[in-house]
Each structure stands twice: as structure tokens, then as C-alpha cells.
């Protein structure tokens, strides 16, 4: 019977039937959110957080908020700083995670804590990284690594069952060493069938230094990556592109070998490095990679870290380009990480300096830090690390030894973590926890390519 104009709209600066740049979408984010896809993503995210809260509440976890204005703690990224009005020239830091607070809560007797919490890291934008992000943060007292993994795995399985009608089943376990050996990654995408195969032992005595150097270096590695039935499809131009691609990760080149006719022996193999490889080594490589006619084999030879990064990235690229990645959910736990890694002669914690080692005393850890494994566990889903956690150090002496190994002297430790070291003196229970990246988890569940979509 009547028409009342509530508010008048200008012509929209975005046409959602067209491809719109991300910059344009973010500038007019309020219009972008009108799109059904974005609206669905945010509604789905709300269902995820609601489901997580319900699950953890039923398991006896207590939702406790921790401070946002805090002091800087070394968590691996740069802090965001907030100037203090009352203490001129001093700054607060925004938390990279509530790690120390949740450990203090365990020492306070709150034995099952959780929080869906905003965290801040001053690092470069990537599809799965943002300066501010949200994590599902959990800490428990008197629970082992196995028990923490069981609870969080059950939570994620329930999420998928209720919201996507997907049964994930039990998550397999894989050690860090196996993941790096087979996939060149500590977050392997198991939907991709390509695997790295070590061949250094076959190439120790060849005259070709590109192979022999790394093969005889304790820190080196020579790995082969076989791509089945793609010798014809992969041209010299593509090989040049792949060579440039692995160069991004520090590789100095990319050797290759096409298997045209296995029965013809050397004559059936096409490769610029064939003349450097004796018959026994060649036969060994073909046997170990189970190569057949039509396959192509790529080689990475360098320091083990470079080979893992470069060949791991090439594996993912080839899997995507040739449609080898299956359409399914492949979760797993990666366990038994090394406790430390060495850069420029100094030890660094692979997770964080509060992670407990597996089965060694403080004296044994001090004597041989290189061999120590950390009691840590990462949840990986389709090649994305969605969460990570560990058993924490609850013993003052062990924490001091870890600080010593990391080159954090008594004065620095007292200045940065004095409150934690003091709290450990008053009867700290064994405790363990985990944090899941909410943004990444929702991104995977809705099939988005970037966490900015969710």
C-alpha cells in the first residue's frame, strides 16, 4: 500500500558477477560480506566456534580470558607494541599466544583451560598467515601427549561429522623424520602420491661432484622424485621452469632422467647427467624408484634442509599441475620432532623453549642436545598444519638447562621469564596443551584458498 525508502544506495562500486581484485574487495569489505559465499563462510565459522565450546564445556574445560596487554615473549615472530601512557617510553606487547598465561593457570590449579583467543604476530601476509589470527587454545594438567591428542582429535572428528557429515576416522601417526624423508615437509599432504626416495648411498663413488659432494656429506642428501608416466608430457621448457622454481628454495639446479625404454638399458634412458652415472648406480636408482617406461625422475642434491624444501615444494607443484592430488580428507599427527635446530652455530627451539624433551634427564639433555626429541605433536590436514602442541616443562632445573642450551643466560632468563621460573618453584603439575588455528581450520572446511575468505 505504500513504499518507504529507508536508505538510498549509490551505484555499487563492485560488480559481484565479475572477477574483482582482492584489494577492491577488502576496501569495500562491508559490500563484499553481502555476497552469499562470504555470508555463508562467517555463519559456518560461528557454527564451528559454537560446536568447539560445547564440546570442551562437556569435557570439563573452563573458558578463561588471559591479558591482551602484556610483556614481549620470544615466540618466533615480531611483537606488536603498544605505547604506555602512564610509563613514558615503555611499551606493552600484544600476545603472540597465551602460552605463558595458560601455563601459569595450570600452576594455579585450573586443570582444564580453553579459550578462543585473538593473537598477534607482526609478519608478512600469506594465504594462511595474518597479523591477527584466532586460535582454539587448550591446556591441561596431568594429561599425557596421547591424552591431549585423543581429546583434540575427537573434537575435530566431531566438527567434521556434525558440520560436513564427513567421518575422518582415526588419525595416523608419522614421525618428523619419516615425514621429512618421504615428503620433504613436516606437514605432508598425503593426498599427493609422489614421494622422495634417498639415493645418496648409490652415488658416493661417482665422479660427478654435484652428486658425490652431498652424498658424502653427513649434512647432505641426494633424493629422487619419480613422476609416473609423465616423461612425454614434461618438455625441456617445463624442466627449465621447474629448475627456476626449486631455485627459489636454494637449490642450485635440477637433474632429471627420462625412462623411455627400460629393456634397452642405458640406451633407453635420456638424461643430461647419464654419462656421469655408472651402470650399477643407474640400476640401483631405477630399482629403488620402481621406475617403468614413461616415467621421469627428478633429483635434488644439496644440504638435507635445501633438498627437503626444494623437492618438497616441487612434489606439491607437480601434484597440483598433473591433477595427482586425490579429493579426500587426509589428517595425521606428526610427532617426535627434534628438540632443537642449529643456525650459525647457535641452537634454536623448534617449537618453543617451554617444550619438554622425551625421556631424558636435564644432564642428558645438556650433554647431547642434537639427539633430543621434543614431546610435541602437530595436527596436519591435507598439507596444512592446523594445530600444534606439546608437553611442557614443569621442572625448574629442566627449564634452566633448555635456556642454557638456547644461550639464554641467567640474567636474560630472569628478566624475560622470571615470573615463570619462580612459579615453577611452587609445585607445578605436569601439563600439556595444544592450539588449533581456527582461521585455517574453517578455511579448509569451507574449501577457501585464503584465511581472508573466512
Protein backbone atom coordinates (compact mmCIF):
# COMPACT_ATOMS: atom_id res chain seq x y z
CA UNK A 1 0.00 0.00 0.00
CA UNK A 2 2.99 2.32 0.40
CA UNK A 3 6.71 2.44 -0.37
CA UNK A 4 9.11 3.97 2.11
CA UNK A 5 12.77 4.43 1.23
CA UNK A 6 14.77 3.56 4.38
CA UNK A 7 18.18 4.46 2.96
CA UNK A 8 19.34 5.27 -0.52
CA UNK A 9 22.17 3.28 -2.19
CA UNK A 10 24.67 4.77 -4.62
CA UNK A 11 25.57 2.59 -7.63
CA UNK A 12 27.73 -0.20 -6.17
CA UNK A 13 31.49 0.16 -6.79
CA UNK A 14 31.76 -3.66 -7.03
CA UNK A 15 30.05 -5.90 -9.57
CA UNK A 16 29.95 -9.33 -7.94
CA UNK A 17 29.27 -11.10 -11.23
CA UNK A 18 32.76 -10.03 -12.35
CA UNK A 19 36.19 -11.06 -11.07
CA UNK A 20 37.00 -8.38 -8.52
CA UNK A 21 40.54 -7.84 -7.18
CA UNK A 22 41.14 -8.74 -3.56
CA UNK A 23 42.29 -5.15 -2.93
CA UNK A 24 38.92 -3.85 -4.15
CA UNK A 25 37.03 -6.45 -2.12
CA UNK A 26 38.90 -5.58 1.07
CA UNK A 27 38.42 -1.84 0.51
CA UNK A 28 34.64 -2.39 0.29
CA UNK A 29 34.62 -5.27 2.78
CA UNK A 30 31.12 -4.40 4.04
CA UNK A 31 29.80 -4.89 0.49
CA UNK A 32 31.93 -7.99 -0.04
CA UNK A 33 30.29 -9.56 3.03
CA UNK A 34 26.87 -9.24 1.35
CA UNK A 35 27.88 -11.95 -1.09
CA UNK A 36 26.21 -15.28 -0.27
CA UNK A 37 29.60 -17.07 -0.21
CA UNK A 38 31.12 -14.71 2.35
CA UNK A 39 27.95 -14.66 4.41
CA UNK A 40 27.96 -18.49 4.42
CA UNK A 41 31.63 -18.60 5.49
CA UNK A 42 31.07 -16.36 8.51
CA UNK A 43 27.94 -18.27 9.53
CA UNK A 44 29.88 -21.52 9.20
CA UNK A 45 32.70 -20.11 11.33
CA UNK A 46 30.18 -19.24 14.06
CA UNK A 47 28.90 -22.83 13.98
CA UNK A 48 32.46 -24.12 14.37
CA UNK A 49 33.20 -21.97 17.45
CA UNK A 50 29.82 -22.84 18.97
CA UNK A 51 30.48 -26.57 18.43
CA UNK A 52 34.01 -26.32 19.89
CA UNK A 53 32.77 -24.51 23.00
CA UNK A 54 30.02 -27.09 23.55
CA UNK A 55 32.47 -30.00 23.16
CA UNK A 56 35.08 -28.54 25.53
CA UNK A 57 32.46 -27.48 28.10
CA UNK A 58 31.19 -31.08 28.15
CA UNK A 59 34.76 -32.32 28.68
CA UNK A 60 35.10 -30.15 31.81
CA UNK A 61 37.25 -27.39 30.28
CA UNK A 62 36.91 -23.88 31.70
CA UNK A 63 36.85 -20.84 29.39
CA UNK A 64 39.26 -18.29 30.91
CA UNK A 65 40.35 -14.99 29.31
CA UNK A 66 44.03 -14.03 29.52
CA UNK A 67 45.50 -10.49 29.27
CA UNK A 68 45.96 -8.73 25.93
CA UNK A 69 48.40 -6.03 27.13
CA UNK A 70 51.42 -8.00 28.25
CA UNK A 71 55.21 -8.17 28.01
CA UNK A 72 57.24 -9.34 25.00
CA UNK A 73 57.95 -13.08 24.90
CA UNK A 74 60.06 -14.82 22.22
CA UNK A 75 57.55 -16.87 20.21
CA UNK A 76 59.38 -16.76 16.89
CA UNK A 77 57.79 -13.68 15.29
CA UNK A 78 57.97 -9.93 15.92
CA UNK A 79 55.68 -8.42 18.54
CA UNK A 80 53.16 -5.64 18.05
CA UNK A 81 53.92 -2.93 20.59
CA UNK A 82 51.51 -0.53 22.31
CA UNK A 83 52.96 2.63 23.92
CA UNK A 84 52.10 3.10 27.59
CA UNK A 85 50.68 6.49 28.59
CA UNK A 86 51.47 6.07 32.29
CA UNK A 87 55.04 4.73 31.89
CA UNK A 88 56.62 7.14 29.41
CA UNK A 89 58.94 5.45 26.89
CA UNK A 90 57.71 1.96 27.86
CA UNK A 91 55.57 -0.38 25.75
CA UNK A 92 53.15 -3.25 26.16
CA UNK A 93 53.34 -6.16 23.69
CA UNK A 94 50.26 -7.82 22.23
CA UNK A 95 50.41 -11.61 22.79
CA UNK A 96 51.63 -13.92 20.03
CA UNK A 97 49.84 -16.64 22.01
CA UNK A 98 48.65 -17.05 25.62
CA UNK A 99 51.40 -19.67 26.17
CA UNK A 100 52.85 -18.40 29.44
CA UNK A 101 49.49 -17.38 30.87
CA UNK A 102 47.97 -20.80 30.30
CA UNK A 103 50.98 -22.48 31.91
CA UNK A 104 50.53 -20.21 34.94
CA UNK A 105 46.85 -21.23 35.04
CA UNK A 106 47.94 -24.87 35.37
CA UNK A 107 50.13 -23.84 38.31
CA UNK A 108 47.05 -22.14 39.79
CA UNK A 109 45.05 -25.37 39.82
CA UNK A 110 42.75 -24.77 36.81
CA UNK A 111 43.45 -28.15 35.31
CA UNK A 112 41.46 -27.84 32.06
CA UNK A 113 41.54 -24.44 30.38
CA UNK A 114 40.44 -23.31 26.94
CA UNK A 115 39.99 -20.01 25.14
CA UNK A 116 39.05 -18.96 21.62
CA UNK A 117 41.57 -16.17 21.55
CA UNK A 118 42.88 -13.46 19.24
CA UNK A 119 46.70 -13.49 18.81
CA UNK A 120 49.05 -11.07 17.06
CA UNK A 121 52.22 -11.61 15.03
CA UNK A 122 53.95 -8.91 13.06
CA UNK A 123 54.80 -10.96 9.98
CA UNK A 124 54.27 -10.77 6.22
CA UNK A 125 50.87 -11.59 4.76
CA UNK A 126 50.41 -15.04 3.23
CA UNK A 127 47.31 -17.03 2.31
CA UNK A 128 47.47 -18.86 5.67
CA UNK A 129 49.01 -16.07 7.78
CA UNK A 130 47.64 -12.76 9.01
CA UNK A 131 48.92 -10.22 11.56
CA UNK A 132 45.96 -11.04 13.79
CA UNK A 133 44.52 -14.53 13.93
CA UNK A 134 42.35 -16.65 16.20
CA UNK A 135 43.28 -19.88 17.90
CA UNK A 136 41.46 -22.51 19.91
CA UNK A 137 43.82 -22.61 22.85
CA UNK A 138 43.87 -25.58 25.25
CA UNK A 139 45.96 -26.53 28.28
CA UNK A 140 45.57 -29.47 30.69
CA UNK A 141 47.20 -30.75 33.87
CA UNK A 142 48.10 -34.41 34.43
CA UNK A 143 47.32 -35.33 30.82
CA UNK A 144 49.90 -37.03 28.60
CA UNK A 145 50.63 -36.17 24.97
CA UNK A 146 48.49 -39.18 23.99
CA UNK A 147 45.53 -37.92 26.00
CA UNK A 148 45.73 -34.36 24.67
CA UNK A 149 45.89 -35.75 21.13
CA UNK A 150 42.91 -38.03 21.80
CA UNK A 151 40.72 -35.18 23.12
CA UNK A 152 41.56 -32.72 20.33
CA UNK A 153 41.28 -35.39 17.62
CA UNK A 154 37.82 -36.32 18.97
CA UNK A 155 36.85 -32.62 18.87
CA UNK A 156 37.91 -32.21 15.22
CA UNK A 157 36.27 -35.51 14.23
CA UNK A 158 33.00 -34.34 15.79
CA UNK A 159 33.25 -30.98 13.99
CA UNK A 160 33.57 -32.70 10.61
CA UNK A 161 30.83 -35.22 11.38
CA UNK A 162 28.30 -32.61 12.56
CA UNK A 163 29.01 -29.74 10.16
CA UNK A 164 30.20 -31.53 6.99
CA UNK A 165 28.81 -35.06 7.51
CA UNK A 166 32.36 -36.38 6.98
CA UNK A 167 33.82 -39.25 9.02
CA UNK A 168 37.55 -38.59 9.39
CA UNK A 169 38.35 -41.86 11.22
CA UNK A 170 41.44 -42.31 13.40
CA UNK A 171 44.36 -40.02 12.58
CA UNK A 172 47.54 -41.95 11.67
CA UNK A 173 50.87 -41.01 13.32
CA UNK A 174 54.06 -40.19 11.49
CA UNK A 175 57.41 -39.16 12.94
CA UNK A 176 59.00 -35.91 11.85
CA UNK A 177 61.97 -37.83 10.40
CA UNK A 178 59.71 -40.03 8.26
CA UNK A 179 57.71 -37.02 7.02
CA UNK A 180 60.89 -35.17 6.01
CA UNK A 181 62.37 -38.27 4.37
CA UNK A 182 59.30 -39.22 2.33
CA UNK A 183 57.71 -35.84 1.64
CA UNK A 184 60.32 -33.15 2.37
CA UNK A 185 57.80 -31.46 4.68
CA UNK A 186 56.78 -31.55 8.33
CA UNK A 187 53.17 -31.00 7.19
CA UNK A 188 52.83 -33.58 4.39
CA UNK A 189 49.81 -33.61 2.08
CA UNK A 190 49.01 -37.33 1.99
CA UNK A 191 46.55 -36.86 -0.89
CA UNK A 192 49.57 -36.49 -3.20
CA UNK A 193 51.06 -39.93 -4.11
CA UNK A 194 54.56 -38.65 -5.05
CA UNK A 195 57.36 -39.48 -2.60
CA UNK A 196 61.06 -38.68 -2.24
CA UNK A 197 63.47 -41.62 -2.32
CA UNK A 198 67.00 -41.41 -0.88
CA UNK A 199 69.74 -42.47 -3.32
CA UNK A 200 72.87 -40.90 -1.76
CA UNK A 201 74.39 -44.31 -0.86
CA UNK A 202 74.31 -45.30 -4.57
CA UNK A 203 76.16 -42.15 -5.67
CA UNK A 204 79.02 -41.84 -3.15
CA UNK A 205 81.68 -43.01 -5.61
CA UNK A 206 80.59 -41.26 -8.81
CA UNK A 207 82.97 -38.69 -10.30
CA UNK A 208 80.12 -36.15 -10.69
CA UNK A 209 80.70 -33.77 -7.74
CA UNK A 210 77.14 -32.39 -7.86
CA UNK A 211 76.01 -35.84 -6.62
CA UNK A 212 79.14 -37.13 -4.88
CA UNK A 213 79.59 -33.99 -2.72
CA UNK A 214 76.23 -34.14 -0.91
CA UNK A 215 76.29 -37.99 -0.96
CA UNK A 216 79.48 -37.97 1.16
CA UNK A 217 78.48 -35.03 3.38
CA UNK A 218 76.87 -36.06 6.73
CA UNK A 219 74.67 -32.92 6.40
CA UNK A 220 73.94 -33.65 2.72
CA UNK A 221 71.23 -35.55 0.89
CA UNK A 222 70.53 -36.84 -2.62
CA UNK A 223 66.84 -37.58 -3.22
CA UNK A 224 64.95 -38.81 -6.28
CA UNK A 225 61.35 -37.86 -7.08
CA UNK A 226 59.66 -40.09 -9.65
CA UNK A 227 56.65 -38.79 -11.59
CA UNK A 228 54.87 -41.77 -13.16
CA UNK A 229 54.03 -41.74 -16.89
CA UNK A 230 54.89 -38.06 -17.41
CA UNK A 231 58.15 -38.29 -19.45
CA UNK A 232 56.25 -37.38 -22.65
CA UNK A 233 54.16 -34.63 -21.01
CA UNK A 234 57.12 -32.78 -19.45
CA UNK A 235 59.05 -30.75 -22.06
CA UNK A 236 62.53 -29.21 -21.78
CA UNK A 237 60.87 -25.81 -21.35
CA UNK A 238 58.89 -27.13 -18.37
CA UNK A 239 62.03 -28.66 -16.86
CA UNK A 240 63.69 -25.20 -17.10
CA UNK A 241 60.68 -23.71 -15.28
CA UNK A 242 60.92 -26.37 -12.55
CA UNK A 243 64.67 -25.66 -12.25
CA UNK A 244 63.91 -21.96 -11.66
CA UNK A 245 61.19 -22.94 -9.20
CA UNK A 246 63.45 -25.08 -6.99
CA UNK A 247 65.99 -22.24 -7.16
CA UNK A 248 63.60 -20.17 -5.02
CA UNK A 249 64.25 -22.70 -2.22
CA UNK A 250 68.05 -22.55 -2.57
CA UNK A 251 68.60 -25.49 -4.98
CA UNK A 252 71.45 -24.86 -7.44
CA UNK A 253 69.90 -26.98 -10.21
CA UNK A 254 67.60 -29.86 -11.03
CA UNK A 255 68.96 -33.05 -12.58
CA UNK A 256 66.47 -35.30 -14.41
CA UNK A 257 66.18 -38.65 -16.13
CA UNK A 258 63.51 -39.86 -18.58
CA UNK A 259 62.88 -43.62 -18.73
CA UNK A 260 61.96 -44.23 -22.38
CA UNK A 261 62.72 -47.96 -22.67
CA UNK A 262 63.84 -49.85 -19.58
CA UNK A 263 64.63 -53.01 -21.58
CA UNK A 264 67.17 -51.12 -23.70
CA UNK A 265 69.41 -50.40 -20.68
CA UNK A 266 71.41 -47.13 -20.87
CA UNK A 267 70.21 -46.51 -24.42
CA UNK A 268 66.62 -46.34 -23.19
CA UNK A 269 67.41 -43.57 -20.66
CA UNK A 270 67.52 -39.89 -21.62
CA UNK A 271 69.34 -37.58 -19.21
CA UNK A 272 72.00 -34.85 -19.29
CA UNK A 273 73.74 -36.49 -16.27
CA UNK A 274 73.60 -40.09 -17.58
CA UNK A 275 77.28 -40.09 -18.62
CA UNK A 276 78.33 -39.45 -15.01
CA UNK A 277 76.34 -42.36 -13.53
CA UNK A 278 77.88 -45.86 -13.74
CA UNK A 279 75.70 -48.89 -14.57
CA UNK A 280 75.38 -50.24 -11.03
CA UNK A 281 74.29 -46.85 -9.65
CA UNK A 282 71.85 -46.40 -12.55
CA UNK A 283 70.29 -49.83 -11.99
CA UNK A 284 70.10 -49.11 -8.26
CA UNK A 285 68.25 -45.81 -8.85
CA UNK A 286 65.78 -47.40 -11.31
CA UNK A 287 65.11 -50.32 -8.95
CA UNK A 288 64.72 -48.18 -5.84
CA UNK A 289 62.29 -45.76 -7.51
CA UNK A 290 60.46 -48.71 -9.17
CA UNK A 291 60.69 -46.82 -12.47
CA UNK A 292 58.90 -48.13 -15.58
CA UNK A 293 58.75 -46.94 -19.20
CA UNK A 294 57.35 -43.43 -19.50
CA UNK A 295 58.42 -42.23 -16.02
CA UNK A 296 60.57 -39.17 -15.33
CA UNK A 297 62.82 -38.87 -12.27
CA UNK A 298 63.99 -35.56 -10.79
CA UNK A 299 66.98 -35.31 -8.43
CA UNK A 300 67.79 -32.94 -5.59
CA UNK A 301 71.40 -32.92 -4.31
CA UNK A 302 72.48 -30.43 -1.63
CA UNK A 303 72.34 -29.90 2.12
CA UNK A 304 69.50 -32.04 3.53
CA UNK A 305 67.46 -28.95 4.52
CA UNK A 306 67.69 -27.47 0.99
CA UNK A 307 66.77 -30.81 -0.65
CA UNK A 308 63.75 -31.22 1.64
CA UNK A 309 62.45 -27.69 1.00
CA UNK A 310 63.11 -27.64 -2.76
CA UNK A 311 61.99 -31.19 -3.59
CA UNK A 312 59.08 -30.99 -1.14
CA UNK A 313 57.85 -27.86 -2.93
CA UNK A 314 58.40 -29.45 -6.38
CA UNK A 315 56.41 -32.50 -5.23
CA UNK A 316 53.44 -30.28 -4.35
CA UNK A 317 53.72 -28.31 -7.60
CA UNK A 318 53.83 -31.43 -9.79
CA UNK A 319 50.95 -32.99 -7.85
CA UNK A 320 48.79 -29.91 -8.49
CA UNK A 321 49.78 -29.41 -12.15
CA UNK A 322 49.13 -33.01 -13.14
CA UNK A 323 45.96 -33.48 -11.06
CA UNK A 324 47.52 -36.22 -8.91
CA UNK A 325 46.01 -34.90 -5.64
CA UNK A 326 43.00 -37.01 -4.60
CA UNK A 327 39.77 -35.38 -3.46
CA UNK A 328 39.54 -36.60 0.15
CA UNK A 329 40.40 -35.66 3.72
CA UNK A 330 43.80 -36.97 4.92
CA UNK A 331 44.53 -35.96 8.52
CA UNK A 332 47.58 -37.10 10.51
CA UNK A 333 49.63 -36.36 13.60
CA UNK A 334 53.32 -35.54 13.11
CA UNK A 335 55.28 -36.47 16.26
CA UNK A 336 58.85 -36.84 17.57
CA UNK A 337 60.21 -33.52 16.32
CA UNK A 338 63.84 -32.72 17.07
CA UNK A 339 64.05 -30.56 20.18
CA UNK A 340 66.50 -28.04 18.64
CA UNK A 341 67.91 -26.96 15.29
CA UNK A 342 71.22 -25.19 14.70
CA UNK A 343 71.65 -21.86 12.85
CA UNK A 344 75.03 -20.16 12.60
CA UNK A 345 76.42 -22.15 15.50
CA UNK A 346 73.52 -21.45 17.87
CA UNK A 347 70.74 -23.77 18.98
CA UNK A 348 67.11 -22.69 18.47
CA UNK A 349 63.96 -24.35 19.83
CA UNK A 350 61.91 -25.92 17.01
CA UNK A 351 58.63 -25.33 18.87
CA UNK A 352 59.19 -23.01 21.84
CA UNK A 353 61.54 -23.01 24.83
CA UNK A 354 58.89 -24.45 27.19
CA UNK A 355 58.54 -27.78 25.34
CA UNK A 356 59.65 -30.87 27.27
CA UNK A 357 62.09 -33.38 25.79
CA UNK A 358 61.18 -37.08 25.52
CA UNK A 359 62.69 -39.40 28.11
CA UNK A 360 65.93 -37.63 29.06
CA UNK A 361 67.19 -36.07 32.28
CA UNK A 362 68.41 -32.45 32.39
CA UNK A 363 72.04 -33.71 32.45
CA UNK A 364 71.48 -35.98 29.40
CA UNK A 365 69.84 -33.13 27.50
CA UNK A 366 72.73 -30.80 28.31
CA UNK A 367 75.25 -33.44 27.17
CA UNK A 368 73.61 -34.13 23.78
CA UNK A 369 71.06 -31.52 22.63
CA UNK A 370 71.37 -32.61 18.96
CA UNK A 371 69.87 -36.05 19.64
CA UNK A 372 66.96 -34.88 21.82
CA UNK A 373 63.38 -35.30 20.60
CA UNK A 374 60.66 -32.97 21.86
CA UNK A 375 57.39 -34.24 23.31
CA UNK A 376 55.49 -32.27 20.68
CA UNK A 377 52.71 -33.10 18.21
CA UNK A 378 51.30 -31.26 15.17
CA UNK A 379 47.87 -31.91 13.68
CA UNK A 380 48.09 -31.77 9.88
CA UNK A 381 45.18 -31.86 7.45
CA UNK A 382 45.66 -32.02 3.66
CA UNK A 383 49.10 -30.44 3.87
CA UNK A 384 48.07 -27.66 6.26
CA UNK A 385 49.26 -27.53 9.86
CA UNK A 386 46.00 -26.82 11.69
CA UNK A 387 47.35 -27.16 15.20
CA UNK A 388 50.37 -27.89 17.32
CA UNK A 389 51.11 -28.59 20.92
CA UNK A 390 53.44 -30.24 23.38
CA UNK A 391 54.03 -31.46 26.88
CA UNK A 392 55.53 -28.52 28.77
CA UNK A 393 58.49 -28.39 31.11
CA UNK A 394 57.20 -28.36 34.70
CA UNK A 395 60.58 -28.73 36.35
CA UNK A 396 62.71 -25.71 37.24
CA UNK A 397 66.05 -27.49 36.58
CA UNK A 398 64.99 -28.75 33.12
CA UNK A 399 63.74 -25.27 32.12
CA UNK A 400 67.07 -23.77 33.18
CA UNK A 401 69.00 -26.35 31.08
CA UNK A 402 66.89 -25.56 27.99
CA UNK A 403 67.58 -21.84 28.47
CA UNK A 404 71.32 -22.62 28.79
CA UNK A 405 71.32 -24.62 25.52
CA UNK A 406 69.49 -21.76 23.76
CA UNK A 407 72.11 -19.30 25.01
CA UNK A 408 69.64 -17.51 27.30
CA UNK A 409 71.78 -16.56 30.31
CA UNK A 410 70.56 -16.35 33.89
CA UNK A 411 70.12 -12.55 33.75
CA UNK A 412 68.16 -12.64 30.47
CA UNK A 413 66.06 -15.60 31.66
CA UNK A 414 65.27 -13.78 34.89
CA UNK A 415 64.36 -10.60 33.01
CA UNK A 416 62.15 -12.30 30.40
CA UNK A 417 60.74 -15.30 32.26
CA UNK A 418 61.47 -14.65 35.91
CA UNK A 419 57.78 -14.94 36.79
CA UNK A 420 57.53 -18.37 35.10
CA UNK A 421 60.73 -19.69 36.69
CA UNK A 422 59.50 -18.52 40.09
CA UNK A 423 56.06 -20.09 39.56
CA UNK A 424 57.76 -23.42 38.76
CA UNK A 425 59.16 -23.44 42.33
CA UNK A 426 55.74 -23.71 43.95
CA UNK A 427 54.57 -27.16 42.92
CA UNK A 428 53.79 -27.08 39.19
CA UNK A 429 51.80 -30.09 37.93
CA UNK A 430 52.87 -31.90 34.75
CA UNK A 431 50.93 -30.13 31.98
CA UNK A 432 50.41 -30.26 28.24
CA UNK A 433 48.35 -28.41 25.68
CA UNK A 434 47.66 -27.56 22.09
CA UNK A 435 46.48 -24.64 19.97
CA UNK A 436 44.41 -25.08 16.81
CA UNK A 437 44.30 -22.32 14.19
CA UNK A 438 40.61 -21.54 13.91
CA UNK A 439 41.04 -19.49 10.71
CA UNK A 440 42.94 -22.27 8.91
CA UNK A 441 40.52 -24.94 10.08
CA UNK A 442 37.48 -23.02 8.82
CA UNK A 443 39.31 -22.18 5.56
CA UNK A 444 39.84 -25.89 4.91
CA UNK A 445 36.30 -26.87 5.88
CA UNK A 446 34.63 -24.35 3.52
CA UNK A 447 37.14 -25.02 0.72
CA UNK A 448 38.55 -21.46 0.63
CA UNK A 449 42.08 -20.64 -0.60
CA UNK A 450 42.91 -17.96 1.96
CA UNK A 451 42.05 -17.27 5.59
CA UNK A 452 40.86 -13.81 4.49
CA UNK A 453 37.87 -15.62 2.96
CA UNK A 454 36.73 -16.69 6.42
